Amino acid sequence: MSNPFGSSPVIAVGADPRGESGPDITSDAFWPAVSPADFRECMRLDGTVTESRIRAALIDAIFSVNASLLQVRADAAARGLTALADTTPDQIDGTSANTHRYRRAVYCLAAASICERYRGVDATGAGNQKADLVESPIADLRRDAFWAIADIRGQRRTVVELI
């Protein structure tokens, strides 16, 4: 797509300017595969975030989510289930509800990790001001990830703390 206001091409938000998406990331047969291209599109990341950075953030998030769901996996194995998708009969758009939740947890943790790096990129006043603006979304992303994990575990989302 050409830019009518200049010579450089227009790159749609979410598009990787190199045209790469990379292969899906798999951990083992129980957990759903994670698509870096789908992650980039869902989380609205533009081409400034490199493919290697996305893969690294997704892999770290997968490790975290899988560790948080070890008991779910053990319970499923005890019931003879071999995939997270089989742990609930609920489906949305032809995909298991828990598969949707798993990807949401992974995507949100990976996006939070990527957003946290913005403060380190630019130490100027403008960079710190931008970092302050993304702190709330980072907390929201982490909350959404933990809610998705709680939903898979069948736990309530509410956290109560006594003062």
N, C-alpha and C. Protein backbone atom coordinates (compact mmCIF):
# COMPACT_ATOMS: atom_id res chain seq x y z
N MET A 1 0.86 -1.17 0.00
CA MET A 1 0.00 0.00 0.00
C MET A 1 0.91 1.23 0.00
N SER A 2 0.63 2.20 -0.86
CA SER A 2 1.47 3.38 -0.92
C SER A 2 0.85 4.52 -0.12
N ASN A 3 1.71 5.42 0.29
CA ASN A 3 1.30 6.55 1.09
C ASN A 3 1.14 7.76 0.17
N PRO A 4 -0.05 8.35 0.06
CA PRO A 4 -0.25 9.49 -0.82
C PRO A 4 0.47 10.75 -0.34
N PHE A 5 0.96 10.76 0.90
CA PHE A 5 1.59 11.95 1.46
C PHE A 5 3.11 11.86 1.49
N GLY A 6 3.66 10.82 0.95
CA GLY A 6 5.10 10.68 0.96
C GLY A 6 5.54 9.43 0.24
N SER A 7 6.82 9.19 0.23
CA SER A 7 7.33 8.06 -0.54
C SER A 7 7.40 6.76 0.25
N SER A 8 7.33 6.82 1.58
CA SER A 8 7.44 5.59 2.36
C SER A 8 6.08 4.88 2.41
N PRO A 9 6.10 3.55 2.41
CA PRO A 9 4.84 2.81 2.40
C PRO A 9 4.10 2.96 3.73
N VAL A 10 2.79 2.80 3.66
CA VAL A 10 1.96 2.82 4.86
C VAL A 10 1.91 1.39 5.38
N ILE A 11 2.15 1.22 6.67
CA ILE A 11 2.09 -0.10 7.28
C ILE A 11 0.93 -0.09 8.26
N ALA A 12 0.00 -1.00 8.06
CA ALA A 12 -1.17 -1.07 8.92
C ALA A 12 -0.75 -1.44 10.33
N VAL A 13 -1.44 -0.88 11.32
CA VAL A 13 -1.18 -1.26 12.70
C VAL A 13 -1.43 -2.75 12.83
N GLY A 14 -0.51 -3.43 13.45
CA GLY A 14 -0.64 -4.87 13.61
C GLY A 14 0.12 -5.63 12.53
N ALA A 15 0.52 -4.95 11.46
CA ALA A 15 1.25 -5.63 10.40
C ALA A 15 2.74 -5.63 10.71
N ASP A 16 3.40 -6.69 10.36
CA ASP A 16 4.84 -6.77 10.49
C ASP A 16 5.43 -6.29 9.17
N PRO A 17 6.20 -5.21 9.18
CA PRO A 17 6.69 -4.65 7.92
C PRO A 17 7.59 -5.61 7.16
N ARG A 18 8.15 -6.59 7.81
CA ARG A 18 9.02 -7.56 7.13
C ARG A 18 8.19 -8.68 6.53
N GLY A 19 6.90 -8.73 6.81
CA GLY A 19 6.05 -9.76 6.26
C GLY A 19 6.23 -11.11 6.94
N GLU A 20 6.91 -11.13 8.07
CA GLU A 20 7.15 -12.38 8.79
C GLU A 20 6.13 -12.55 9.90
N SER A 21 5.77 -13.76 10.15
CA SER A 21 4.91 -14.01 11.30
C SER A 21 5.54 -15.05 12.22
N GLY A 22 6.44 -15.83 11.70
CA GLY A 22 7.08 -16.86 12.51
C GLY A 22 6.14 -18.02 12.75
N PRO A 23 6.71 -19.19 12.98
CA PRO A 23 5.87 -20.36 13.23
C PRO A 23 5.18 -20.28 14.59
N ASP A 24 4.11 -21.04 14.73
CA ASP A 24 3.42 -21.12 16.01
C ASP A 24 4.39 -21.65 17.08
N ILE A 25 4.13 -21.26 18.31
CA ILE A 25 4.94 -21.71 19.44
C ILE A 25 4.16 -22.81 20.15
N THR A 26 4.79 -23.95 20.32
CA THR A 26 4.16 -25.07 21.01
C THR A 26 4.98 -25.41 22.23
N SER A 27 4.30 -25.91 23.27
CA SER A 27 5.03 -26.36 24.45
C SER A 27 4.94 -27.87 24.56
N ASP A 28 3.76 -28.41 24.63
CA ASP A 28 3.56 -29.86 24.47
C ASP A 28 2.11 -30.08 24.07
N ALA A 29 1.74 -31.31 23.85
CA ALA A 29 0.43 -31.61 23.25
C ALA A 29 -0.75 -31.16 24.11
N PHE A 30 -0.58 -31.02 25.42
CA PHE A 30 -1.70 -30.63 26.27
C PHE A 30 -2.10 -29.17 26.04
N TRP A 31 -1.11 -28.31 25.86
CA TRP A 31 -1.37 -26.87 25.76
C TRP A 31 -1.58 -26.45 24.31
N PRO A 32 -2.46 -25.48 24.07
CA PRO A 32 -2.68 -25.01 22.70
C PRO A 32 -1.44 -24.30 22.15
N ALA A 33 -1.26 -24.37 20.85
CA ALA A 33 -0.19 -23.61 20.20
C ALA A 33 -0.54 -22.13 20.24
N VAL A 34 0.50 -21.31 20.20
CA VAL A 34 0.32 -19.86 20.25
C VAL A 34 0.91 -19.27 18.97
N SER A 35 0.12 -18.46 18.30
CA SER A 35 0.54 -17.85 17.04
C SER A 35 1.08 -16.44 17.27
N PRO A 36 2.36 -16.20 16.97
CA PRO A 36 2.90 -14.84 17.09
C PRO A 36 2.16 -13.83 16.21
N ALA A 37 1.73 -14.24 15.03
CA ALA A 37 0.99 -13.34 14.14
C ALA A 37 -0.36 -12.96 14.74
N ASP A 38 -1.06 -13.93 15.32
CA ASP A 38 -2.34 -13.66 15.97
C ASP A 38 -2.13 -12.75 17.17
N PHE A 39 -1.08 -13.01 17.94
CA PHE A 39 -0.75 -12.17 19.09
C PHE A 39 -0.53 -10.73 18.65
N ARG A 40 0.28 -10.55 17.60
CA ARG A 40 0.59 -9.20 17.11
C ARG A 40 -0.70 -8.48 16.72
N GLU A 41 -1.60 -9.19 16.03
CA GLU A 41 -2.85 -8.57 15.59
C GLU A 41 -3.78 -8.29 16.77
N CYS A 42 -3.96 -9.27 17.65
CA CYS A 42 -4.89 -9.11 18.78
C CYS A 42 -4.45 -8.00 19.73
N MET A 43 -3.15 -7.90 19.95
CA MET A 43 -2.65 -6.92 20.91
C MET A 43 -2.25 -5.60 20.23
N ARG A 44 -2.52 -5.50 18.92
CA ARG A 44 -2.30 -4.28 18.15
C ARG A 44 -0.87 -3.78 18.23
N LEU A 45 0.09 -4.68 18.02
CA LEU A 45 1.50 -4.30 18.03
C LEU A 45 1.94 -3.97 16.61
N ASP A 46 2.58 -2.83 16.45
CA ASP A 46 3.02 -2.46 15.10
C ASP A 46 4.40 -3.05 14.82
N GLY A 47 4.95 -2.69 13.70
CA GLY A 47 6.22 -3.25 13.25
C GLY A 47 7.42 -2.84 14.06
N THR A 48 7.27 -1.90 15.01
CA THR A 48 8.43 -1.51 15.82
C THR A 48 8.81 -2.59 16.82
N VAL A 49 7.90 -3.49 17.11
CA VAL A 49 8.20 -4.60 18.01
C VAL A 49 8.68 -5.76 17.14
N THR A 50 9.92 -6.15 17.32
CA THR A 50 10.51 -7.17 16.45
C THR A 50 9.93 -8.54 16.72
N GLU A 51 10.06 -9.39 15.71
CA GLU A 51 9.56 -10.76 15.82
C GLU A 51 10.27 -11.51 16.93
N SER A 52 11.58 -11.31 17.07
CA SER A 52 12.32 -12.02 18.12
C SER A 52 11.88 -11.56 19.51
N ARG A 53 11.56 -10.29 19.65
CA ARG A 53 11.07 -9.78 20.93
C ARG A 53 9.69 -10.37 21.25
N ILE A 54 8.85 -10.48 20.24
CA ILE A 54 7.53 -11.08 20.43
C ILE A 54 7.66 -12.54 20.84
N ARG A 55 8.50 -13.28 20.13
CA ARG A 55 8.68 -14.71 20.46
C ARG A 55 9.20 -14.88 21.88
N ALA A 56 10.17 -14.07 22.27
CA ALA A 56 10.74 -14.17 23.62
C ALA A 56 9.67 -13.88 24.68
N ALA A 57 8.87 -12.84 24.46
CA ALA A 57 7.82 -12.49 25.42
C ALA A 57 6.76 -13.59 25.49
N LEU A 58 6.39 -14.15 24.33
CA LEU A 58 5.39 -15.21 24.32
C LEU A 58 5.91 -16.47 25.01
N ILE A 59 7.14 -16.84 24.75
CA ILE A 59 7.72 -18.04 25.38
C ILE A 59 7.75 -17.89 26.90
N ASP A 60 8.17 -16.73 27.38
CA ASP A 60 8.19 -16.49 28.83
C ASP A 60 6.78 -16.55 29.40
N ALA A 61 5.82 -15.97 28.70
CA ALA A 61 4.43 -15.99 29.16
C ALA A 61 3.88 -17.41 29.17
N ILE A 62 4.22 -18.20 28.17
CA ILE A 62 3.78 -19.60 28.12
C ILE A 62 4.31 -20.37 29.32
N PHE A 63 5.60 -20.18 29.64
CA PHE A 63 6.17 -20.83 30.83
C PHE A 63 5.38 -20.45 32.08
N SER A 64 5.09 -19.17 32.23
CA SER A 64 4.37 -18.70 33.42
C SER A 64 2.96 -19.26 33.51
N VAL A 65 2.23 -19.21 32.40
CA VAL A 65 0.85 -19.70 32.41
C VAL A 65 0.82 -21.21 32.63
N ASN A 66 1.69 -21.94 31.95
CA ASN A 66 1.74 -23.39 32.14
C ASN A 66 2.05 -23.75 33.59
N ALA A 67 2.97 -23.03 34.22
CA ALA A 67 3.30 -23.28 35.62
C ALA A 67 2.10 -22.99 36.53
N SER A 68 1.35 -21.95 36.19
CA SER A 68 0.18 -21.59 36.99
C SER A 68 -0.95 -22.62 36.86
N LEU A 69 -0.90 -23.39 35.79
CA LEU A 69 -1.98 -24.34 35.52
C LEU A 69 -1.55 -25.80 35.67
N LEU A 70 -0.48 -26.03 36.40
CA LEU A 70 0.00 -27.41 36.60
C LEU A 70 -1.07 -28.31 37.21
N GLN A 71 -1.82 -27.80 38.17
CA GLN A 71 -2.85 -28.61 38.82
C GLN A 71 -3.99 -28.93 37.85
N VAL A 72 -4.32 -27.99 36.99
CA VAL A 72 -5.34 -28.23 35.97
C VAL A 72 -4.90 -29.37 35.07
N ARG A 73 -3.65 -29.34 34.70
CA ARG A 73 -3.13 -30.41 33.84
C ARG A 73 -3.14 -31.76 34.56
N ALA A 74 -2.72 -31.76 35.82
CA ALA A 74 -2.72 -33.01 36.60
C ALA A 74 -4.14 -33.55 36.76
N ASP A 75 -5.10 -32.68 37.06
CA ASP A 75 -6.49 -33.10 37.19
C ASP A 75 -7.03 -33.65 35.87
N ALA A 76 -6.66 -33.01 34.77
CA ALA A 76 -7.11 -33.48 33.46
C ALA A 76 -6.52 -34.85 33.14
N ALA A 77 -5.25 -35.04 33.45
CA ALA A 77 -4.60 -36.33 33.21
C ALA A 77 -5.27 -37.42 34.03
N ALA A 78 -5.65 -37.10 35.27
CA ALA A 78 -6.33 -38.08 36.13
C ALA A 78 -7.69 -38.48 35.54
N ARG A 79 -8.30 -37.57 34.79
CA ARG A 79 -9.59 -37.85 34.14
C ARG A 79 -9.42 -38.45 32.75
N GLY A 80 -8.16 -38.66 32.34
CA GLY A 80 -7.89 -39.25 31.03
C GLY A 80 -7.93 -38.25 29.89
N LEU A 81 -7.86 -36.97 30.20
CA LEU A 81 -7.90 -35.93 29.17
C LEU A 81 -6.49 -35.58 28.73
N THR A 82 -6.29 -35.39 27.44
CA THR A 82 -4.95 -35.16 26.92
C THR A 82 -4.72 -33.75 26.37
N ALA A 83 -5.73 -32.89 26.44
CA ALA A 83 -5.59 -31.53 25.93
C ALA A 83 -6.43 -30.57 26.77
N LEU A 84 -5.94 -29.37 26.94
CA LEU A 84 -6.69 -28.35 27.68
C LEU A 84 -8.06 -28.13 27.05
N ALA A 85 -8.14 -28.21 25.74
CA ALA A 85 -9.42 -28.02 25.04
C ALA A 85 -10.48 -29.00 25.50
N ASP A 86 -10.07 -30.16 26.02
CA ASP A 86 -11.02 -31.18 26.46
C ASP A 86 -11.52 -30.97 27.89
N THR A 87 -10.96 -29.98 28.60
CA THR A 87 -11.31 -29.80 30.01
C THR A 87 -12.64 -29.10 30.22
N THR A 88 -13.23 -28.58 29.17
CA THR A 88 -14.56 -27.97 29.27
C THR A 88 -15.32 -28.25 27.98
N PRO A 89 -16.62 -28.53 28.10
CA PRO A 89 -17.40 -28.76 26.88
C PRO A 89 -17.79 -27.45 26.19
N ASP A 90 -17.63 -26.34 26.90
CA ASP A 90 -18.03 -25.04 26.35
C ASP A 90 -17.13 -24.65 25.18
N GLN A 91 -17.79 -24.23 24.09
CA GLN A 91 -17.05 -23.77 22.93
C GLN A 91 -17.62 -22.44 22.47
N ILE A 92 -16.74 -21.61 21.97
CA ILE A 92 -17.13 -20.34 21.39
C ILE A 92 -16.42 -20.25 20.05
N ASP A 93 -17.18 -20.01 19.01
CA ASP A 93 -16.64 -19.90 17.66
C ASP A 93 -15.84 -21.15 17.27
N GLY A 94 -16.32 -22.31 17.73
CA GLY A 94 -15.70 -23.58 17.38
C GLY A 94 -14.43 -23.92 18.14
N THR A 95 -14.10 -23.13 19.14
CA THR A 95 -12.88 -23.34 19.94
C THR A 95 -13.25 -23.43 21.41
N SER A 96 -12.61 -24.34 22.11
CA SER A 96 -12.84 -24.53 23.54
C SER A 96 -12.69 -23.21 24.31
N ALA A 97 -13.58 -23.00 25.26
CA ALA A 97 -13.51 -21.79 26.09
C ALA A 97 -12.16 -21.70 26.80
N ASN A 98 -11.65 -22.85 27.28
CA ASN A 98 -10.37 -22.82 27.97
C ASN A 98 -9.20 -22.54 27.02
N THR A 99 -9.33 -22.89 25.77
CA THR A 99 -8.30 -22.53 24.80
C THR A 99 -8.28 -21.02 24.61
N HIS A 100 -9.47 -20.42 24.49
CA HIS A 100 -9.55 -18.95 24.41
C HIS A 100 -8.92 -18.31 25.65
N ARG A 101 -9.26 -18.84 26.81
CA ARG A 101 -8.75 -18.27 28.07
C ARG A 101 -7.23 -18.42 28.17
N TYR A 102 -6.72 -19.57 27.75
CA TYR A 102 -5.27 -19.81 27.79
C TYR A 102 -4.55 -18.78 26.92
N ARG A 103 -5.03 -18.62 25.71
CA ARG A 103 -4.38 -17.65 24.81
C ARG A 103 -4.50 -16.24 25.36
N ARG A 104 -5.63 -15.92 25.97
CA ARG A 104 -5.78 -14.58 26.57
C ARG A 104 -4.75 -14.38 27.67
N ALA A 105 -4.58 -15.37 28.52
CA ALA A 105 -3.59 -15.27 29.60
C ALA A 105 -2.19 -15.08 29.03
N VAL A 106 -1.83 -15.89 28.05
CA VAL A 106 -0.49 -15.79 27.44
C VAL A 106 -0.32 -14.44 26.75
N TYR A 107 -1.29 -14.03 25.95
CA TYR A 107 -1.19 -12.78 25.22
C TYR A 107 -1.07 -11.59 26.17
N CYS A 108 -1.88 -11.59 27.22
CA CYS A 108 -1.85 -10.45 28.16
C CYS A 108 -0.52 -10.37 28.91
N LEU A 109 0.00 -11.52 29.36
CA LEU A 109 1.30 -11.49 30.05
C LEU A 109 2.42 -11.07 29.11
N ALA A 110 2.39 -11.55 27.88
CA ALA A 110 3.43 -11.18 26.92
C ALA A 110 3.34 -9.68 26.58
N ALA A 111 2.14 -9.19 26.37
CA ALA A 111 1.95 -7.77 26.06
C ALA A 111 2.40 -6.89 27.22
N ALA A 112 2.10 -7.31 28.45
CA ALA A 112 2.54 -6.55 29.62
C ALA A 112 4.06 -6.50 29.67
N SER A 113 4.70 -7.61 29.38
CA SER A 113 6.16 -7.67 29.37
C SER A 113 6.74 -6.73 28.33
N ILE A 114 6.16 -6.72 27.15
CA ILE A 114 6.64 -5.82 26.09
C ILE A 114 6.43 -4.37 26.48
N CYS A 115 5.26 -4.04 27.03
CA CYS A 115 4.96 -2.66 27.44
C CYS A 115 5.91 -2.18 28.53
N GLU A 116 6.30 -3.07 29.43
CA GLU A 116 7.19 -2.68 30.52
C GLU A 116 8.55 -2.21 30.02
N ARG A 117 8.93 -2.66 28.85
CA ARG A 117 10.24 -2.30 28.29
C ARG A 117 10.28 -0.88 27.75
N TYR A 118 9.13 -0.24 27.55
CA TYR A 118 9.13 1.10 26.97
C TYR A 118 9.89 2.10 27.84
N ARG A 119 9.81 2.00 29.14
CA ARG A 119 10.50 2.96 30.00
C ARG A 119 12.00 2.89 29.80
N GLY A 120 12.51 1.70 29.54
CA GLY A 120 13.96 1.54 29.36
C GLY A 120 14.45 2.02 28.01
N VAL A 121 13.58 2.25 27.05
CA VAL A 121 13.99 2.64 25.71
C VAL A 121 14.38 4.10 25.65
N ASP A 122 13.66 4.96 26.34
CA ASP A 122 13.87 6.39 26.24
C ASP A 122 13.86 6.99 27.63
N ALA A 123 15.00 7.48 28.07
CA ALA A 123 15.09 8.02 29.43
C ALA A 123 14.78 9.51 29.47
N THR A 124 14.38 10.10 28.37
CA THR A 124 14.05 11.52 28.36
C THR A 124 12.74 11.76 29.09
N GLY A 125 12.43 13.02 29.32
CA GLY A 125 11.17 13.35 29.97
C GLY A 125 9.97 12.84 29.20
N ALA A 126 10.03 12.95 27.86
CA ALA A 126 8.93 12.46 27.03
C ALA A 126 8.80 10.95 27.16
N GLY A 127 9.93 10.25 27.23
CA GLY A 127 9.89 8.80 27.38
C GLY A 127 9.30 8.39 28.71
N ASN A 128 9.67 9.08 29.78
CA ASN A 128 9.11 8.77 31.10
C ASN A 128 7.63 9.09 31.16
N GLN A 129 7.23 10.18 30.49
CA GLN A 129 5.81 10.53 30.45
C GLN A 129 5.01 9.45 29.73
N LYS A 130 5.55 8.94 28.61
CA LYS A 130 4.88 7.87 27.88
C LYS A 130 4.82 6.61 28.74
N ALA A 131 5.89 6.32 29.46
CA ALA A 131 5.92 5.13 30.32
C ALA A 131 4.87 5.24 31.41
N ASP A 132 4.69 6.44 31.96
CA ASP A 132 3.66 6.63 32.99
C ASP A 132 2.28 6.33 32.42
N LEU A 133 2.06 6.65 31.15
CA LEU A 133 0.76 6.39 30.52
C LEU A 133 0.50 4.91 30.31
N VAL A 134 1.56 4.10 30.16
CA VAL A 134 1.34 2.67 29.91
C VAL A 134 1.33 1.85 31.18
N GLU A 135 1.63 2.44 32.35
CA GLU A 135 1.65 1.67 33.59
C GLU A 135 0.27 1.09 33.92
N SER A 136 -0.78 1.87 33.74
CA SER A 136 -2.12 1.37 34.02
C SER A 136 -2.50 0.23 33.08
N PRO A 137 -2.26 0.37 31.77
CA PRO A 137 -2.56 -0.76 30.89
C PRO A 137 -1.76 -2.02 31.24
N ILE A 138 -0.55 -1.86 31.73
CA ILE A 138 0.25 -3.03 32.13
C ILE A 138 -0.45 -3.75 33.28
N ALA A 139 -0.90 -3.01 34.26
CA ALA A 139 -1.63 -3.61 35.38
C ALA A 139 -2.92 -4.27 34.89
N ASP A 140 -3.60 -3.62 33.96
CA ASP A 140 -4.83 -4.19 33.40
C ASP A 140 -4.54 -5.49 32.65
N LEU A 141 -3.45 -5.53 31.90
CA LEU A 141 -3.08 -6.74 31.17
C LEU A 141 -2.77 -7.88 32.14
N ARG A 142 -2.04 -7.58 33.20
CA ARG A 142 -1.71 -8.62 34.18
C ARG A 142 -2.99 -9.12 34.88
N ARG A 143 -3.87 -8.20 35.21
CA ARG A 143 -5.15 -8.58 35.82
C ARG A 143 -5.94 -9.50 34.89
N ASP A 144 -6.03 -9.13 33.62
CA ASP A 144 -6.76 -9.95 32.65
C ASP A 144 -6.15 -11.34 32.52
N ALA A 145 -4.83 -11.42 32.57
CA ALA A 145 -4.16 -12.73 32.50
C ALA A 145 -4.52 -13.57 33.72
N PHE A 146 -4.46 -12.97 34.90
CA PHE A 146 -4.77 -13.72 36.11
C PHE A 146 -6.24 -14.12 36.17
N TRP A 147 -7.11 -13.29 35.63
CA TRP A 147 -8.53 -13.65 35.56
C TRP A 147 -8.73 -14.84 34.63
N ALA A 148 -8.04 -14.84 33.50
CA ALA A 148 -8.17 -15.96 32.56
C ALA A 148 -7.68 -17.25 33.20
N ILE A 149 -6.58 -17.16 33.95
CA ILE A 149 -6.05 -18.34 34.66
C ILE A 149 -7.05 -18.81 35.71
N ALA A 150 -7.61 -17.87 36.46
CA ALA A 150 -8.61 -18.22 37.47
C ALA A 150 -9.83 -18.88 36.84
N ASP A 151 -10.24 -18.38 35.69
CA ASP A 151 -11.39 -18.97 34.98
C ASP A 151 -11.09 -20.41 34.57
N ILE A 152 -9.90 -20.67 34.08
CA ILE A 152 -9.53 -22.04 33.70
C ILE A 152 -9.52 -22.94 34.94
N ARG A 153 -9.03 -22.43 36.05
CA ARG A 153 -8.98 -23.21 37.30
C ARG A 153 -10.36 -23.40 37.92
N GLY A 154 -11.33 -22.62 37.46
CA GLY A 154 -12.66 -22.67 38.06
C GLY A 154 -12.73 -21.92 39.38
N GLN A 155 -11.85 -20.94 39.54
CA GLN A 155 -11.81 -20.15 40.77
C GLN A 155 -12.49 -18.80 40.56
N ARG A 156 -12.85 -18.18 41.66
CA ARG A 156 -13.42 -16.84 41.59
C ARG A 156 -12.32 -15.84 41.28
N ARG A 157 -12.71 -14.76 40.66
CA ARG A 157 -11.74 -13.72 40.30
C ARG A 157 -11.45 -12.77 41.45
N THR A 158 -12.30 -12.70 42.42
CA THR A 158 -12.19 -11.73 43.49
C THR A 158 -11.01 -12.04 44.41
N VAL A 159 -10.24 -11.01 44.70
CA VAL A 159 -9.15 -11.14 45.66
C VAL A 159 -9.47 -10.20 46.81
N VAL A 160 -9.51 -10.73 48.01
CA VAL A 160 -9.84 -9.93 49.18
C VAL A 160 -8.64 -9.91 50.09
N GLU A 161 -8.31 -8.72 50.57
CA GLU A 161 -7.17 -8.56 51.46
C GLU A 161 -7.65 -7.87 52.73
N LEU A 162 -7.29 -8.42 53.86
CA LEU A 162 -7.63 -7.79 55.14
C LEU A 162 -6.59 -6.75 55.48
N ILE A 163 -7.07 -5.64 55.99
CA ILE A 163 -6.17 -4.56 56.34
C ILE A 163 -5.85 -4.61 57.82
